[in-house]
Amino acid sequence: MPRIITFNELRRIKDSLPDGSIHDIADKLNLSVQTVRNYFGGANYDSGTNMGVHIEPGPNGGLVVLDDPQILDMALEILEENK
């Protein structure tokens, strides 16, 4: 089920992850590291793909509709484990 989050919140989550977390998520999901970075707002599609992230302009950086929240859920789990 799609999830909606603000772009600023998505970036805050990414920036809060411990070092190496993007690589860990990529390894667990068999994705490229750049694909996971693109999920969090990156835009390098030469070495990564779009993972169903749709950005609509608006306050707080706009709204982001995530077709598959699996990467976000993994990031939130990592943050919870590191509290």
C-alpha atoms as a PDB file:
ATOM      1  CA  MET A   1       0.000   0.000   0.000  1.00  0.00           C
ATOM      2  CA  PRO A   2       1.440   3.418  -0.929  1.00  0.00           C
ATOM      3  CA  ARG A   3       2.579   5.741   1.829  1.00  0.00           C
ATOM      4  CA  ILE A   4       2.673   9.548   1.811  1.00  0.00           C
ATOM      5  CA  ILE A   5       5.386  11.526   3.617  1.00  0.00           C
ATOM      6  CA  THR A   6       6.808  15.020   3.220  1.00  0.00           C
ATOM      7  CA  PHE A   7      10.055  15.315   1.303  1.00  0.00           C
ATOM      8  CA  ASN A   8      11.704  17.054   4.259  1.00  0.00           C
ATOM      9  CA  GLU A   9      10.727  14.200   6.601  1.00  0.00           C
ATOM     10  CA  LEU A  10      12.041  11.614   4.138  1.00  0.00           C
ATOM     11  CA  ARG A  11      15.378  13.472   3.961  1.00  0.00           C
ATOM     12  CA  ARG A  12      15.486  13.838   7.757  1.00  0.00           C
ATOM     13  CA  ILE A  13      15.097  10.073   8.112  1.00  0.00           C
ATOM     14  CA  LYS A  14      17.859   9.435   5.572  1.00  0.00           C
ATOM     15  CA  ASP A  15      20.182  11.958   7.238  1.00  0.00           C
ATOM     16  CA  SER A  16      19.522  10.380  10.658  1.00  0.00           C
ATOM     17  CA  LEU A  17      20.573   6.885   9.592  1.00  0.00           C
ATOM     18  CA  PRO A  18      23.855   5.588  11.011  1.00  0.00           C
ATOM     19  CA  ASP A  19      26.808   5.275   8.638  1.00  0.00           C
ATOM     20  CA  GLY A  20      26.516   2.238   6.388  1.00  0.00           C
ATOM     21  CA  SER A  21      22.737   1.932   6.663  1.00  0.00           C
ATOM     22  CA  ILE A  22      22.091   2.741   3.009  1.00  0.00           C
ATOM     23  CA  HIS A  23      24.504  -0.042   2.033  1.00  0.00           C
ATOM     24  CA  ASP A  24      22.837  -2.455   4.498  1.00  0.00           C
ATOM     25  CA  ILE A  25      19.375  -1.730   3.085  1.00  0.00           C
ATOM     26  CA  ALA A  26      20.660  -2.132  -0.476  1.00  0.00           C
ATOM     27  CA  ASP A  27      22.316  -5.469   0.375  1.00  0.00           C
ATOM     28  CA  LYS A  28      19.230  -6.856   2.131  1.00  0.00           C
ATOM     29  CA  LEU A  29      16.953  -5.927  -0.772  1.00  0.00           C
ATOM     30  CA  ASN A  30      19.467  -6.828  -3.506  1.00  0.00           C
ATOM     31  CA  LEU A  31      19.384  -3.267  -4.880  1.00  0.00           C
ATOM     32  CA  SER A  32      22.143  -0.901  -5.882  1.00  0.00           C
ATOM     33  CA  VAL A  33      23.209   1.623  -3.272  1.00  0.00           C
ATOM     34  CA  GLN A  34      22.326   4.432  -5.697  1.00  0.00           C
ATOM     35  CA  THR A  35      18.772   3.078  -6.069  1.00  0.00           C
ATOM     36  CA  VAL A  36      18.313   3.347  -2.291  1.00  0.00           C
ATOM     37  CA  ARG A  37      19.786   6.876  -2.359  1.00  0.00           C
ATOM     38  CA  ASN A  38      17.368   7.799  -5.165  1.00  0.00           C
ATOM     39  CA  TYR A  39      14.501   6.545  -2.979  1.00  0.00           C
ATOM     40  CA  PHE A  40      15.504   9.150  -0.385  1.00  0.00           C
ATOM     41  CA  GLY A  41      15.544  11.983  -2.894  1.00  0.00           C
ATOM     42  CA  GLY A  42      18.681  11.391  -4.924  1.00  0.00           C
ATOM     43  CA  ALA A  43      18.556  11.781  -8.681  1.00  0.00           C
ATOM     44  CA  ASN A  44      21.371   9.696 -10.153  1.00  0.00           C
ATOM     45  CA  TYR A  45      19.568   7.415 -12.560  1.00  0.00           C
ATOM     46  CA  ASP A  46      22.717   6.461 -14.501  1.00  0.00           C
ATOM     47  CA  SER A  47      23.672   3.923 -11.820  1.00  0.00           C
ATOM     48  CA  GLY A  48      20.377   3.579  -9.938  1.00  0.00           C
ATOM     49  CA  THR A  49      16.680   3.330 -10.672  1.00  0.00           C
ATOM     50  CA  ASN A  50      13.482   5.001  -9.508  1.00  0.00           C
ATOM     51  CA  MET A  51      11.727   2.909  -6.863  1.00  0.00           C
ATOM     52  CA  GLY A  52       8.208   4.292  -7.291  1.00  0.00           C
ATOM     53  CA  VAL A  53       8.829   7.649  -5.659  1.00  0.00           C
ATOM     54  CA  HIS A  54       6.501  10.441  -6.804  1.00  0.00           C
ATOM     55  CA  ILE A  55       7.103  14.000  -5.556  1.00  0.00           C
ATOM     56  CA  GLU A  56       4.349  16.624  -5.592  1.00  0.00           C
ATOM     57  CA  PRO A  57       5.358  20.266  -4.928  1.00  0.00           C
ATOM     58  CA  GLY A  58       4.141  21.831  -1.693  1.00  0.00           C
ATOM     59  CA  PRO A  59       5.128  22.891   1.822  1.00  0.00           C
ATOM     60  CA  ASN A  60       7.948  21.043   3.622  1.00  0.00           C
ATOM     61  CA  GLY A  61       9.550  20.137   0.317  1.00  0.00           C
ATOM     62  CA  GLY A  62       6.318  18.736  -1.050  1.00  0.00           C
ATOM     63  CA  LEU A  63       4.602  15.409  -0.626  1.00  0.00           C
ATOM     64  CA  VAL A  64       6.234  12.151  -1.592  1.00  0.00           C
ATOM     65  CA  VAL A  65       4.097   9.162  -2.522  1.00  0.00           C
ATOM     66  CA  LEU A  66       6.027   5.933  -2.027  1.00  0.00           C
ATOM     67  CA  ASP A  67       4.545   3.055  -4.038  1.00  0.00           C
ATOM     68  CA  ASP A  68       6.409   0.539  -1.877  1.00  0.00           C
ATOM     69  CA  PRO A  69       7.376   1.698   1.635  1.00  0.00           C
ATOM     70  CA  GLN A  70       9.719  -1.266   2.261  1.00  0.00           C
ATOM     71  CA  ILE A  71      12.905   0.844   2.146  1.00  0.00           C
ATOM     72  CA  LEU A  72      11.338   3.474   4.413  1.00  0.00           C
ATOM     73  CA  ASP A  73      10.180   0.787   6.858  1.00  0.00           C
ATOM     74  CA  MET A  74      13.684  -0.687   6.997  1.00  0.00           C
ATOM     75  CA  ALA A  75      15.166   2.763   7.637  1.00  0.00           C
ATOM     76  CA  LEU A  76      12.686   3.394  10.452  1.00  0.00           C
ATOM     77  CA  GLU A  77      13.542   0.005  11.996  1.00  0.00           C
ATOM     78  CA  ILE A  78      17.248   0.878  11.913  1.00  0.00           C
ATOM     79  CA  LEU A  79      16.524   4.220  13.607  1.00  0.00           C
ATOM     80  CA  GLU A  80      14.420   2.490  16.270  1.00  0.00           C
ATOM     81  CA  GLU A  81      17.157  -0.068  16.942  1.00  0.00           C
ATOM     82  CA  ASN A  82      19.728   2.720  17.359  1.00  0.00           C
ATOM     83  CA  LYS A  83      17.796   4.814  19.863  1.00  0.00           C
END
